[in-house]
């Protein structure tokens, strides 16, 4: 029977690296997942008994977003007055990052007659639970008048932590983590703002989406 994805409840995301990638002997994770050979991300694990070929559609939970430790303090150390990063600025950035990630993931997964996106669980629905952690945004736009230009060789970095679930049983069948940094070609210095940050975010998120799509297309989808 189909039911809405929002009715699914999982434990809060926490201790990503220490719990998600705690390994026992012979490379098997604490929850029975095994390493993916030749993974094109930092770390990837799957359930060796899972049949990924059954999944023709996917659902995606809201993306959890967390800044790197002391990010606000570090940003504000060189800012004054209205240009300082506030709690509302951080919430706006997190909302934007979550929205952009979901948009890019859906675009890439649906492209070329790919996976259909749904908002309910079913036997052929793969459930994605993504998290963007250690987010480091360079020169964020605080939407204030008279903001001075900030020059940087990078527009930041982020780590993706994503879990794959059987949407019906709620069983975890895959997990991956990867960190990407946004770097200007040749390391040249250029003005970073909300527009360039968004473009870099879409590029990074697009790479992650393409890797997931390629993983499913090449190895598990009939």
N, C-alpha and C. Protein backbone atom coordinates (compact mmCIF):
# COMPACT_ATOMS: atom_id res chain seq x y z
N UNK A 1 0.84 -1.19 0.00
CA UNK A 1 0.00 0.00 0.00
C UNK A 1 0.88 1.25 0.00
N UNK A 2 0.49 2.22 -0.80
CA UNK A 2 1.26 3.46 -0.87
C UNK A 2 0.93 4.34 0.34
N UNK A 3 1.93 5.06 0.81
CA UNK A 3 1.68 6.06 1.86
C UNK A 3 2.67 7.18 1.67
N UNK A 4 2.29 8.35 2.17
CA UNK A 4 3.11 9.53 1.96
C UNK A 4 4.44 9.40 2.66
N UNK A 5 5.49 9.85 1.96
CA UNK A 5 6.83 9.80 2.51
C UNK A 5 6.93 10.60 3.80
N UNK A 6 6.19 11.68 3.89
CA UNK A 6 6.31 12.50 5.09
C UNK A 6 5.84 11.76 6.35
N UNK A 7 5.16 10.63 6.15
CA UNK A 7 4.74 9.86 7.32
C UNK A 7 5.86 9.00 7.86
N UNK A 8 6.95 8.86 7.10
CA UNK A 8 8.08 8.07 7.58
C UNK A 8 8.86 8.88 8.60
N UNK A 9 9.27 8.24 9.66
CA UNK A 9 10.03 8.92 10.70
C UNK A 9 11.33 8.16 10.93
N UNK A 10 12.45 8.90 10.88
CA UNK A 10 13.75 8.31 11.14
C UNK A 10 14.37 9.02 12.33
N UNK A 11 15.35 8.36 12.95
CA UNK A 11 16.07 9.01 14.04
C UNK A 11 16.82 10.20 13.48
N UNK A 12 17.09 11.22 14.30
CA UNK A 12 17.78 12.41 13.82
C UNK A 12 19.15 12.07 13.27
N UNK A 13 19.58 12.83 12.24
CA UNK A 13 20.91 12.67 11.71
C UNK A 13 21.91 13.19 12.74
N UNK A 14 22.87 12.37 13.10
CA UNK A 14 23.88 12.80 14.05
C UNK A 14 25.10 11.91 13.94
N UNK A 15 26.23 12.43 14.37
CA UNK A 15 27.47 11.65 14.40
C UNK A 15 27.73 10.98 13.06
N UNK A 16 27.66 11.76 11.98
CA UNK A 16 27.71 11.21 10.63
C UNK A 16 28.90 10.29 10.41
N UNK A 17 30.08 10.81 10.57
CA UNK A 17 31.24 10.01 10.24
C UNK A 17 31.47 8.88 11.24
N UNK A 18 31.31 9.18 12.52
CA UNK A 18 31.63 8.19 13.53
C UNK A 18 30.64 7.04 13.55
N UNK A 19 29.35 7.32 13.32
CA UNK A 19 28.36 6.25 13.33
C UNK A 19 28.18 5.65 11.95
N UNK A 20 28.02 6.50 10.95
CA UNK A 20 27.73 6.01 9.62
C UNK A 20 28.84 5.20 9.01
N UNK A 21 30.09 5.47 9.42
CA UNK A 21 31.20 4.77 8.80
C UNK A 21 32.04 4.02 9.81
N UNK A 22 31.47 3.77 11.00
CA UNK A 22 32.16 2.89 11.94
C UNK A 22 32.26 1.52 11.32
N UNK A 23 33.45 0.94 11.29
CA UNK A 23 33.63 -0.33 10.61
C UNK A 23 34.07 -1.41 11.57
N UNK A 24 33.58 -2.61 11.32
CA UNK A 24 34.00 -3.76 12.06
C UNK A 24 35.12 -4.44 11.27
N UNK A 25 35.49 -5.61 11.65
CA UNK A 25 36.53 -6.33 10.95
C UNK A 25 36.07 -6.67 9.53
N UNK A 26 37.03 -6.81 8.61
CA UNK A 26 36.78 -7.19 7.23
C UNK A 26 36.00 -6.14 6.46
N UNK A 27 36.02 -4.87 6.94
CA UNK A 27 35.45 -3.79 6.16
C UNK A 27 33.95 -3.70 6.16
N UNK A 28 33.25 -4.40 7.05
CA UNK A 28 31.80 -4.35 7.10
C UNK A 28 31.37 -3.32 8.13
N UNK A 29 30.43 -2.45 7.77
CA UNK A 29 30.01 -1.40 8.68
C UNK A 29 29.15 -1.97 9.81
N UNK A 30 28.88 -1.14 10.79
CA UNK A 30 28.13 -1.59 11.97
C UNK A 30 26.73 -2.09 11.63
N UNK A 31 26.16 -1.62 10.50
CA UNK A 31 24.81 -2.04 10.13
C UNK A 31 24.80 -3.00 8.94
N UNK A 32 25.93 -3.64 8.68
CA UNK A 32 25.98 -4.69 7.67
C UNK A 32 26.25 -4.24 6.25
N UNK A 33 26.51 -2.97 6.04
CA UNK A 33 26.84 -2.48 4.71
C UNK A 33 28.31 -2.76 4.40
N UNK A 34 28.60 -2.96 3.12
CA UNK A 34 29.98 -3.27 2.71
C UNK A 34 30.49 -2.17 1.79
N UNK A 35 31.80 -1.96 1.75
CA UNK A 35 32.35 -0.89 0.91
C UNK A 35 32.09 -1.13 -0.57
N UNK A 36 31.85 -0.04 -1.31
CA UNK A 36 31.73 -0.10 -2.76
C UNK A 36 33.13 0.00 -3.35
N UNK A 37 33.50 -0.98 -4.16
CA UNK A 37 34.82 -0.96 -4.79
C UNK A 37 34.87 0.12 -5.86
N UNK A 38 36.00 0.80 -5.93
CA UNK A 38 36.23 1.83 -6.95
C UNK A 38 35.17 2.94 -6.88
N UNK A 39 34.70 3.24 -5.70
CA UNK A 39 33.73 4.33 -5.56
C UNK A 39 34.39 5.65 -5.96
N UNK A 40 33.61 6.50 -6.62
CA UNK A 40 34.13 7.79 -7.07
C UNK A 40 33.84 8.90 -6.06
N UNK A 41 33.55 8.49 -4.85
CA UNK A 41 33.37 9.43 -3.73
C UNK A 41 34.30 8.98 -2.62
N UNK A 42 34.40 9.80 -1.58
CA UNK A 42 35.34 9.49 -0.50
C UNK A 42 35.06 8.13 0.14
N UNK A 43 33.79 7.86 0.44
CA UNK A 43 33.40 6.57 1.02
C UNK A 43 32.00 6.23 0.57
N UNK A 44 31.76 4.96 0.28
CA UNK A 44 30.43 4.49 -0.10
C UNK A 44 30.25 3.06 0.35
N UNK A 45 29.05 2.78 0.88
CA UNK A 45 28.73 1.45 1.37
C UNK A 45 27.34 1.05 0.85
N UNK A 46 27.16 -0.24 0.58
CA UNK A 46 25.85 -0.74 0.18
C UNK A 46 25.54 -2.05 0.90
N UNK A 47 24.26 -2.38 0.91
CA UNK A 47 23.81 -3.67 1.40
C UNK A 47 24.07 -4.69 0.29
N UNK A 48 24.93 -5.68 0.51
CA UNK A 48 25.26 -6.63 -0.55
C UNK A 48 24.08 -7.48 -1.00
N UNK A 49 23.05 -7.55 -0.19
CA UNK A 49 21.88 -8.36 -0.53
C UNK A 49 20.75 -7.54 -1.15
N UNK A 50 20.91 -6.23 -1.24
CA UNK A 50 19.85 -5.38 -1.80
C UNK A 50 19.81 -5.50 -3.31
N UNK A 51 18.60 -5.54 -3.85
CA UNK A 51 18.39 -5.58 -5.30
C UNK A 51 18.01 -4.18 -5.77
N UNK A 52 19.00 -3.42 -6.21
CA UNK A 52 18.75 -2.05 -6.63
C UNK A 52 17.98 -1.97 -7.95
N UNK A 53 17.94 -3.07 -8.69
CA UNK A 53 17.28 -3.04 -9.99
C UNK A 53 15.76 -2.87 -9.87
N UNK A 54 15.20 -3.07 -8.68
CA UNK A 54 13.75 -2.94 -8.53
C UNK A 54 13.32 -1.48 -8.47
N UNK A 55 14.26 -0.58 -8.23
CA UNK A 55 13.90 0.82 -8.01
C UNK A 55 13.82 1.58 -9.33
N UNK A 56 12.63 2.03 -9.66
CA UNK A 56 12.39 2.81 -10.87
C UNK A 56 11.99 4.25 -10.56
N UNK A 57 11.66 4.51 -9.31
CA UNK A 57 11.27 5.85 -8.88
C UNK A 57 12.03 6.19 -7.60
N UNK A 58 12.00 7.46 -7.24
CA UNK A 58 12.66 7.83 -6.01
C UNK A 58 11.90 8.94 -5.31
N UNK A 59 12.10 9.01 -4.02
CA UNK A 59 11.57 10.09 -3.20
C UNK A 59 12.74 10.67 -2.42
N UNK A 60 12.66 11.95 -2.13
CA UNK A 60 13.76 12.60 -1.45
C UNK A 60 13.25 13.38 -0.24
N UNK A 61 13.83 13.10 0.90
CA UNK A 61 13.47 13.83 2.11
C UNK A 61 14.13 15.20 2.10
N UNK A 62 13.62 16.11 2.92
CA UNK A 62 14.21 17.44 3.00
C UNK A 62 15.69 17.34 3.40
N UNK A 63 16.51 18.14 2.76
CA UNK A 63 17.94 18.10 3.00
C UNK A 63 18.31 18.80 4.30
N UNK A 64 18.99 18.07 5.15
CA UNK A 64 19.52 18.66 6.39
C UNK A 64 20.78 19.44 6.04
N UNK A 65 20.92 20.66 6.54
CA UNK A 65 22.08 21.50 6.24
C UNK A 65 22.70 21.99 7.54
N UNK A 66 24.02 21.87 7.65
CA UNK A 66 24.73 22.33 8.84
C UNK A 66 26.04 23.00 8.43
N UNK A 67 26.31 24.17 9.00
CA UNK A 67 27.55 24.88 8.72
C UNK A 67 28.72 24.21 9.45
N UNK A 68 29.92 24.50 8.95
CA UNK A 68 31.09 24.02 9.65
C UNK A 68 31.20 24.74 11.01
N UNK A 69 31.92 24.13 11.91
CA UNK A 69 32.06 24.68 13.25
C UNK A 69 32.65 26.09 13.21
N UNK A 70 32.03 26.98 13.97
CA UNK A 70 32.50 28.37 14.12
C UNK A 70 32.44 29.18 12.83
N UNK A 71 31.64 28.75 11.87
CA UNK A 71 31.57 29.48 10.60
C UNK A 71 31.10 30.92 10.80
N UNK A 72 30.04 31.12 11.56
CA UNK A 72 29.52 32.47 11.77
C UNK A 72 30.56 33.36 12.45
N UNK A 73 31.23 32.83 13.46
CA UNK A 73 32.24 33.61 14.17
C UNK A 73 33.37 34.01 13.23
N UNK A 74 33.83 33.06 12.42
CA UNK A 74 34.93 33.34 11.50
C UNK A 74 34.53 34.38 10.45
N UNK A 75 33.30 34.28 9.94
CA UNK A 75 32.83 35.25 8.97
C UNK A 75 32.74 36.65 9.57
N UNK A 76 32.22 36.73 10.77
CA UNK A 76 32.00 38.03 11.40
C UNK A 76 33.27 38.67 11.94
N UNK A 77 34.35 37.92 12.00
CA UNK A 77 35.61 38.49 12.50
C UNK A 77 36.14 39.58 11.59
N UNK A 78 35.73 39.56 10.31
CA UNK A 78 36.19 40.57 9.36
C UNK A 78 35.06 41.47 8.88
N UNK A 79 33.90 41.40 9.55
CA UNK A 79 32.74 42.19 9.15
C UNK A 79 32.36 43.17 10.25
N UNK A 80 31.67 44.22 9.85
CA UNK A 80 31.25 45.23 10.81
C UNK A 80 29.79 45.62 10.55
N UNK A 81 29.09 46.02 11.60
CA UNK A 81 27.76 46.58 11.48
C UNK A 81 26.77 45.67 10.78
N UNK A 82 26.04 46.26 9.82
CA UNK A 82 24.97 45.53 9.14
C UNK A 82 25.49 44.42 8.23
N UNK A 83 26.79 44.39 7.98
CA UNK A 83 27.36 43.35 7.13
C UNK A 83 27.64 42.05 7.85
N UNK A 84 27.43 42.03 9.16
CA UNK A 84 27.69 40.82 9.93
C UNK A 84 26.63 39.75 9.65
N UNK A 85 27.03 38.50 9.77
CA UNK A 85 26.14 37.37 9.52
C UNK A 85 25.27 37.14 10.75
N UNK A 86 23.97 37.18 10.55
CA UNK A 86 23.02 36.96 11.65
C UNK A 86 22.48 35.54 11.61
N UNK A 87 21.76 35.18 12.64
CA UNK A 87 21.12 33.87 12.67
C UNK A 87 20.12 33.72 11.53
N UNK A 88 19.41 34.80 11.21
CA UNK A 88 18.45 34.74 10.10
C UNK A 88 19.16 34.58 8.76
N UNK A 89 20.34 35.18 8.62
CA UNK A 89 21.14 34.98 7.40
C UNK A 89 21.50 33.51 7.24
N UNK A 90 21.89 32.89 8.33
CA UNK A 90 22.28 31.49 8.29
C UNK A 90 21.09 30.60 7.93
N UNK A 91 19.94 30.91 8.49
CA UNK A 91 18.75 30.13 8.16
C UNK A 91 18.38 30.29 6.69
N UNK A 92 18.52 31.51 6.17
CA UNK A 92 18.22 31.75 4.76
C UNK A 92 19.17 30.96 3.87
N UNK A 93 20.45 30.96 4.21
CA UNK A 93 21.42 30.22 3.42
C UNK A 93 21.13 28.73 3.47
N UNK A 94 20.82 28.20 4.64
CA UNK A 94 20.50 26.78 4.77
C UNK A 94 19.27 26.41 3.95
N UNK A 95 18.26 27.28 3.98
CA UNK A 95 17.05 27.04 3.19
C UNK A 95 17.37 27.03 1.71
N UNK A 96 18.19 27.99 1.27
CA UNK A 96 18.57 28.08 -0.14
C UNK A 96 19.37 26.86 -0.58
N UNK A 97 20.32 26.44 0.26
CA UNK A 97 21.15 25.28 -0.07
C UNK A 97 20.29 24.03 -0.19
N UNK A 98 19.38 23.83 0.75
CA UNK A 98 18.50 22.66 0.71
C UNK A 98 17.63 22.67 -0.53
N UNK A 99 17.11 23.85 -0.88
CA UNK A 99 16.26 23.97 -2.07
C UNK A 99 17.05 23.68 -3.34
N UNK A 100 18.23 24.26 -3.46
CA UNK A 100 19.05 24.06 -4.66
C UNK A 100 19.45 22.60 -4.80
N UNK A 101 19.84 21.98 -3.69
CA UNK A 101 20.23 20.57 -3.76
C UNK A 101 19.09 19.70 -4.26
N UNK A 102 17.90 19.92 -3.72
CA UNK A 102 16.75 19.10 -4.13
C UNK A 102 16.41 19.35 -5.60
N UNK A 103 16.45 20.61 -6.03
CA UNK A 103 16.17 20.93 -7.43
C UNK A 103 17.14 20.22 -8.36
N UNK A 104 18.43 20.30 -8.04
CA UNK A 104 19.46 19.70 -8.89
C UNK A 104 19.33 18.18 -8.89
N UNK A 105 19.11 17.60 -7.73
CA UNK A 105 18.97 16.15 -7.65
C UNK A 105 17.81 15.66 -8.50
N UNK A 106 16.67 16.33 -8.42
CA UNK A 106 15.51 15.93 -9.20
C UNK A 106 15.77 16.11 -10.69
N UNK A 107 16.37 17.23 -11.08
CA UNK A 107 16.67 17.48 -12.49
C UNK A 107 17.54 16.37 -13.07
N UNK A 108 18.61 16.04 -12.37
CA UNK A 108 19.57 15.06 -12.90
C UNK A 108 19.02 13.64 -12.85
N UNK A 109 18.27 13.30 -11.82
CA UNK A 109 17.74 11.95 -11.72
C UNK A 109 16.61 11.70 -12.70
N UNK A 110 15.85 12.75 -13.05
CA UNK A 110 14.74 12.60 -13.98
C UNK A 110 15.18 12.71 -15.44
N UNK A 111 16.35 13.27 -15.70
CA UNK A 111 16.80 13.55 -17.06
C UNK A 111 16.85 12.29 -17.93
N UNK A 112 16.56 12.47 -19.22
CA UNK A 112 16.69 11.38 -20.21
C UNK A 112 15.88 10.15 -19.83
N UNK A 113 14.63 10.37 -19.48
CA UNK A 113 13.73 9.26 -19.12
C UNK A 113 14.29 8.44 -17.96
N UNK A 114 14.79 9.13 -16.97
CA UNK A 114 15.38 8.46 -15.82
C UNK A 114 14.35 8.09 -14.77
N UNK A 115 14.63 8.43 -13.55
CA UNK A 115 13.77 8.06 -12.43
C UNK A 115 12.64 9.09 -12.26
N UNK A 116 11.48 8.59 -11.95
CA UNK A 116 10.35 9.46 -11.64
C UNK A 116 10.42 9.82 -10.16
N UNK A 117 10.20 11.09 -9.85
CA UNK A 117 10.19 11.51 -8.46
C UNK A 117 8.77 11.46 -7.92
N UNK A 118 8.61 10.90 -6.73
CA UNK A 118 7.30 10.77 -6.10
C UNK A 118 7.42 11.23 -4.64
N UNK A 119 6.28 11.32 -3.97
CA UNK A 119 6.30 11.71 -2.56
C UNK A 119 5.66 10.64 -1.68
N UNK A 120 5.68 9.40 -2.15
CA UNK A 120 5.12 8.31 -1.37
C UNK A 120 6.04 7.09 -1.45
N UNK A 121 5.83 6.15 -0.56
CA UNK A 121 6.60 4.91 -0.54
C UNK A 121 5.90 3.85 -1.36
N UNK A 122 6.70 3.02 -2.04
CA UNK A 122 6.17 1.89 -2.79
C UNK A 122 7.32 0.92 -3.03
N UNK A 123 6.97 -0.25 -3.55
CA UNK A 123 7.99 -1.29 -3.71
C UNK A 123 9.13 -0.89 -4.63
N UNK A 124 8.86 0.00 -5.59
CA UNK A 124 9.90 0.39 -6.55
C UNK A 124 10.44 1.80 -6.30
N UNK A 125 10.24 2.30 -5.09
CA UNK A 125 10.66 3.66 -4.75
C UNK A 125 11.89 3.61 -3.83
N UNK A 126 12.95 4.25 -4.27
CA UNK A 126 14.16 4.41 -3.48
C UNK A 126 14.07 5.73 -2.72
N UNK A 127 14.27 5.70 -1.43
CA UNK A 127 14.16 6.89 -0.61
C UNK A 127 15.55 7.45 -0.30
N UNK A 128 15.75 8.72 -0.61
CA UNK A 128 17.03 9.38 -0.36
C UNK A 128 16.91 10.30 0.85
N UNK A 129 17.87 10.21 1.75
CA UNK A 129 17.93 11.15 2.87
C UNK A 129 19.29 11.84 2.83
N UNK A 130 19.34 13.07 2.27
CA UNK A 130 20.62 13.77 2.12
C UNK A 130 20.87 14.75 3.26
N UNK A 131 22.14 14.99 3.49
CA UNK A 131 22.56 16.02 4.43
C UNK A 131 23.78 16.72 3.85
N UNK A 132 23.77 18.04 3.90
CA UNK A 132 24.92 18.85 3.54
C UNK A 132 25.52 19.34 4.84
N UNK A 133 26.71 18.87 5.17
CA UNK A 133 27.31 19.20 6.45
C UNK A 133 28.65 19.90 6.22
N UNK A 134 29.18 20.50 7.29
CA UNK A 134 30.45 21.24 7.21
C UNK A 134 30.40 22.28 6.09
N UNK A 135 29.26 22.92 5.94
CA UNK A 135 29.08 23.91 4.87
C UNK A 135 29.93 25.13 5.16
N UNK A 136 30.72 25.52 4.16
CA UNK A 136 31.60 26.68 4.28
C UNK A 136 31.36 27.58 3.08
N UNK A 137 30.53 28.59 3.26
CA UNK A 137 30.20 29.52 2.18
C UNK A 137 31.11 30.73 2.28
N UNK A 138 31.80 31.05 1.18
CA UNK A 138 32.68 32.21 1.14
C UNK A 138 31.90 33.43 0.66
N UNK A 139 32.08 34.55 1.32
CA UNK A 139 31.48 35.83 0.92
C UNK A 139 29.98 35.72 0.70
N UNK A 140 29.22 35.26 1.69
CA UNK A 140 27.77 35.20 1.51
C UNK A 140 27.17 36.60 1.42
N UNK A 141 26.11 36.73 0.65
CA UNK A 141 25.42 38.00 0.47
C UNK A 141 24.44 38.18 1.62
N UNK A 142 24.63 39.23 2.42
CA UNK A 142 23.74 39.47 3.56
C UNK A 142 22.57 40.38 3.20
N UNK A 143 22.44 40.72 1.93
CA UNK A 143 21.31 41.51 1.45
C UNK A 143 21.26 42.90 2.07
N UNK A 144 22.42 43.45 2.43
CA UNK A 144 22.43 44.78 3.02
C UNK A 144 22.97 45.79 2.03
N UNK A 145 22.46 47.03 2.14
CA UNK A 145 22.90 48.10 1.25
C UNK A 145 24.33 48.49 1.56
N UNK A 146 25.09 48.80 0.52
CA UNK A 146 26.44 49.27 0.70
C UNK A 146 27.43 48.19 1.08
N UNK A 147 27.08 46.94 0.84
CA UNK A 147 27.99 45.85 1.21
C UNK A 147 29.27 45.94 0.39
N UNK A 148 30.41 45.85 1.03
CA UNK A 148 31.67 45.92 0.31
C UNK A 148 31.93 44.62 -0.43
N UNK A 149 32.64 44.72 -1.54
CA UNK A 149 32.98 43.53 -2.31
C UNK A 149 34.04 42.72 -1.56
N UNK A 150 33.88 41.40 -1.59
CA UNK A 150 34.83 40.51 -0.95
C UNK A 150 35.47 39.65 -2.03
N UNK A 151 36.79 39.57 -2.03
CA UNK A 151 37.50 38.82 -3.05
C UNK A 151 38.02 37.52 -2.46
N UNK A 152 37.86 36.45 -3.23
CA UNK A 152 38.28 35.14 -2.75
C UNK A 152 38.60 34.24 -3.91
N UNK A 153 39.45 33.24 -3.66
CA UNK A 153 39.80 32.27 -4.70
C UNK A 153 38.87 31.07 -4.69
N UNK A 154 37.94 31.05 -3.79
CA UNK A 154 37.01 29.94 -3.68
C UNK A 154 35.67 30.46 -3.18
N UNK A 155 34.60 29.77 -3.55
CA UNK A 155 33.29 30.15 -3.01
C UNK A 155 32.81 29.14 -1.98
N UNK A 156 33.73 28.36 -1.43
CA UNK A 156 33.36 27.52 -0.31
C UNK A 156 33.52 26.03 -0.57
N UNK A 157 32.96 25.25 0.36
CA UNK A 157 33.05 23.80 0.29
C UNK A 157 31.89 23.21 1.08
N UNK A 158 31.63 21.94 0.84
CA UNK A 158 30.55 21.25 1.54
C UNK A 158 30.79 19.75 1.49
N UNK A 159 30.24 19.07 2.46
CA UNK A 159 30.30 17.61 2.51
C UNK A 159 28.89 17.05 2.35
N UNK A 160 28.75 16.10 1.44
CA UNK A 160 27.47 15.41 1.28
C UNK A 160 27.51 14.11 2.06
N UNK A 161 26.48 13.91 2.87
CA UNK A 161 26.25 12.63 3.54
C UNK A 161 24.86 12.19 3.11
N UNK A 162 24.78 11.06 2.41
CA UNK A 162 23.47 10.64 1.88
C UNK A 162 23.24 9.17 2.22
N UNK A 163 22.01 8.89 2.61
CA UNK A 163 21.60 7.53 2.92
C UNK A 163 20.48 7.11 1.97
N UNK A 164 20.51 5.85 1.56
CA UNK A 164 19.51 5.29 0.67
C UNK A 164 18.71 4.24 1.44
N UNK A 165 17.39 4.35 1.34
CA UNK A 165 16.51 3.44 2.07
C UNK A 165 15.52 2.76 1.14
N UNK A 166 15.15 1.54 1.50
CA UNK A 166 13.97 0.92 0.93
C UNK A 166 12.78 1.70 1.50
N UNK A 167 12.01 2.33 0.64
CA UNK A 167 10.97 3.25 1.14
C UNK A 167 9.85 2.53 1.87
N UNK A 168 9.67 1.25 1.63
CA UNK A 168 8.58 0.52 2.29
C UNK A 168 9.01 -0.01 3.65
N UNK A 169 10.17 -0.68 3.68
CA UNK A 169 10.62 -1.29 4.93
C UNK A 169 11.37 -0.31 5.82
N UNK A 170 11.91 0.76 5.22
CA UNK A 170 12.73 1.70 5.98
C UNK A 170 14.13 1.20 6.22
N UNK A 171 14.51 0.07 5.60
CA UNK A 171 15.84 -0.50 5.78
C UNK A 171 16.87 0.32 5.01
N UNK A 172 17.99 0.62 5.65
CA UNK A 172 19.06 1.33 4.96
C UNK A 172 19.80 0.35 4.05
N UNK A 173 20.01 0.75 2.79
CA UNK A 173 20.67 -0.14 1.83
C UNK A 173 21.88 0.52 1.18
N UNK A 174 22.14 1.77 1.52
CA UNK A 174 23.31 2.42 0.97
C UNK A 174 23.64 3.70 1.72
N UNK A 175 24.92 4.09 1.64
CA UNK A 175 25.36 5.30 2.32
C UNK A 175 26.61 5.79 1.64
N UNK A 176 26.75 7.11 1.51
CA UNK A 176 27.95 7.67 0.90
C UNK A 176 28.28 9.01 1.53
N UNK A 177 29.56 9.36 1.49
CA UNK A 177 30.00 10.66 1.97
C UNK A 177 31.09 11.17 1.04
N UNK A 178 31.05 12.47 0.78
CA UNK A 178 32.05 13.05 -0.12
C UNK A 178 32.13 14.55 0.16
N UNK A 179 33.32 15.11 0.04
CA UNK A 179 33.50 16.55 0.22
C UNK A 179 34.01 17.17 -1.07
N UNK A 180 33.42 18.29 -1.40
CA UNK A 180 33.81 19.02 -2.61
C UNK A 180 34.03 20.49 -2.27
N UNK A 181 35.02 21.07 -2.89
CA UNK A 181 35.29 22.49 -2.74
C UNK A 181 35.09 23.19 -4.07
N UNK A 182 34.63 24.43 -4.03
CA UNK A 182 34.44 25.22 -5.24
C UNK A 182 35.69 26.05 -5.45
N UNK A 183 36.34 25.86 -6.57
CA UNK A 183 37.60 26.53 -6.83
C UNK A 183 37.59 27.15 -8.21
N UNK A 184 38.01 28.39 -8.30
CA UNK A 184 38.10 29.06 -9.60
C UNK A 184 39.17 28.41 -10.47
N UNK A 185 38.92 28.36 -11.75
CA UNK A 185 39.89 27.81 -12.69
C UNK A 185 41.20 28.58 -12.58
N UNK A 186 42.30 27.86 -12.36
CA UNK A 186 43.59 28.51 -12.27
C UNK A 186 43.83 29.21 -10.95
N UNK A 187 42.88 29.15 -10.02
CA UNK A 187 43.06 29.79 -8.73
C UNK A 187 43.01 31.30 -8.79
N UNK A 188 42.37 31.85 -9.82
CA UNK A 188 42.32 33.29 -9.95
C UNK A 188 41.39 33.89 -8.90
N UNK A 189 41.61 35.14 -8.58
CA UNK A 189 40.81 35.83 -7.58
C UNK A 189 39.63 36.51 -8.26
N UNK A 190 38.44 36.30 -7.74
CA UNK A 190 37.26 36.94 -8.33
C UNK A 190 36.24 37.21 -7.23
N UNK A 191 35.33 38.11 -7.52
CA UNK A 191 34.33 38.52 -6.54
C UNK A 191 33.33 37.40 -6.32
N UNK A 192 33.16 37.00 -5.08
CA UNK A 192 32.20 35.96 -4.72
C UNK A 192 30.96 36.61 -4.15
N UNK A 193 29.81 36.23 -4.66
CA UNK A 193 28.55 36.77 -4.13
C UNK A 193 27.49 35.69 -4.22
N UNK A 194 26.25 36.06 -3.94
CA UNK A 194 25.18 35.06 -3.91
C UNK A 194 24.98 34.40 -5.26
N UNK A 195 25.24 35.13 -6.36
CA UNK A 195 25.06 34.57 -7.70
C UNK A 195 26.12 33.52 -7.98
N UNK A 196 27.40 33.87 -7.76
CA UNK A 196 28.46 32.90 -8.03
C UNK A 196 28.40 31.73 -7.06
N UNK A 197 28.02 31.99 -5.81
CA UNK A 197 27.88 30.89 -4.86
C UNK A 197 26.82 29.90 -5.32
N UNK A 198 25.70 30.41 -5.84
CA UNK A 198 24.63 29.54 -6.32
C UNK A 198 25.11 28.70 -7.49
N UNK A 199 25.83 29.31 -8.42
CA UNK A 199 26.33 28.59 -9.59
C UNK A 199 27.29 27.48 -9.17
N UNK A 200 28.17 27.77 -8.23
CA UNK A 200 29.11 26.76 -7.75
C UNK A 200 28.38 25.65 -7.01
N UNK A 201 27.38 26.02 -6.24
CA UNK A 201 26.61 25.01 -5.51
C UNK A 201 25.92 24.06 -6.48
N UNK A 202 25.33 24.60 -7.52
CA UNK A 202 24.65 23.76 -8.51
C UNK A 202 25.65 22.83 -9.21
N UNK A 203 26.85 23.32 -9.47
CA UNK A 203 27.85 22.48 -10.11
C UNK A 203 28.25 21.32 -9.20
N UNK A 204 28.52 21.63 -7.93
CA UNK A 204 28.91 20.58 -6.99
C UNK A 204 27.77 19.59 -6.78
N UNK A 205 26.56 20.10 -6.55
CA UNK A 205 25.43 19.21 -6.33
C UNK A 205 25.13 18.38 -7.57
N UNK A 206 25.33 18.98 -8.74
CA UNK A 206 25.13 18.24 -9.99
C UNK A 206 26.08 17.07 -10.11
N UNK A 207 27.32 17.27 -9.69
CA UNK A 207 28.29 16.17 -9.73
C UNK A 207 27.83 15.03 -8.84
N UNK A 208 27.39 15.36 -7.63
CA UNK A 208 26.92 14.30 -6.72
C UNK A 208 25.70 13.58 -7.29
N UNK A 209 24.78 14.34 -7.86
CA UNK A 209 23.59 13.73 -8.45
C UNK A 209 23.96 12.82 -9.61
N UNK A 210 24.89 13.26 -10.45
CA UNK A 210 25.33 12.45 -11.59
C UNK A 210 26.01 11.17 -11.14
N UNK A 211 26.77 11.24 -10.06
CA UNK A 211 27.43 10.04 -9.56
C UNK A 211 26.41 9.02 -9.06
N UNK A 212 25.38 9.49 -8.36
CA UNK A 212 24.33 8.57 -7.90
C UNK A 212 23.58 7.98 -9.08
N UNK A 213 23.23 8.82 -10.04
CA UNK A 213 22.51 8.35 -11.22
C UNK A 213 23.36 7.32 -11.98
N UNK A 214 24.65 7.61 -12.14
CA UNK A 214 25.53 6.69 -12.85
C UNK A 214 25.67 5.37 -12.11
N UNK A 215 25.75 5.43 -10.79
CA UNK A 215 25.84 4.23 -9.98
C UNK A 215 24.64 3.32 -10.20
N UNK A 216 23.48 3.91 -10.21
CA UNK A 216 22.25 3.12 -10.39
C UNK A 216 22.10 2.65 -11.84
N UNK A 217 22.38 3.53 -12.79
CA UNK A 217 22.23 3.18 -14.21
C UNK A 217 23.19 2.06 -14.63
N UNK A 218 24.45 2.18 -14.23
CA UNK A 218 25.47 1.27 -14.71
C UNK A 218 25.46 -0.09 -14.04
N UNK A 219 25.04 -0.11 -12.80
CA UNK A 219 25.23 -1.34 -12.04
C UNK A 219 23.96 -2.05 -11.58
N UNK A 220 22.85 -1.28 -11.47
CA UNK A 220 21.72 -1.91 -10.80
C UNK A 220 20.38 -1.79 -11.53
N UNK A 221 20.25 -0.87 -12.46
CA UNK A 221 18.96 -0.72 -13.12
C UNK A 221 18.92 -1.60 -14.36
N UNK A 222 17.90 -2.42 -14.50
CA UNK A 222 17.76 -3.29 -15.66
C UNK A 222 17.33 -2.51 -16.88
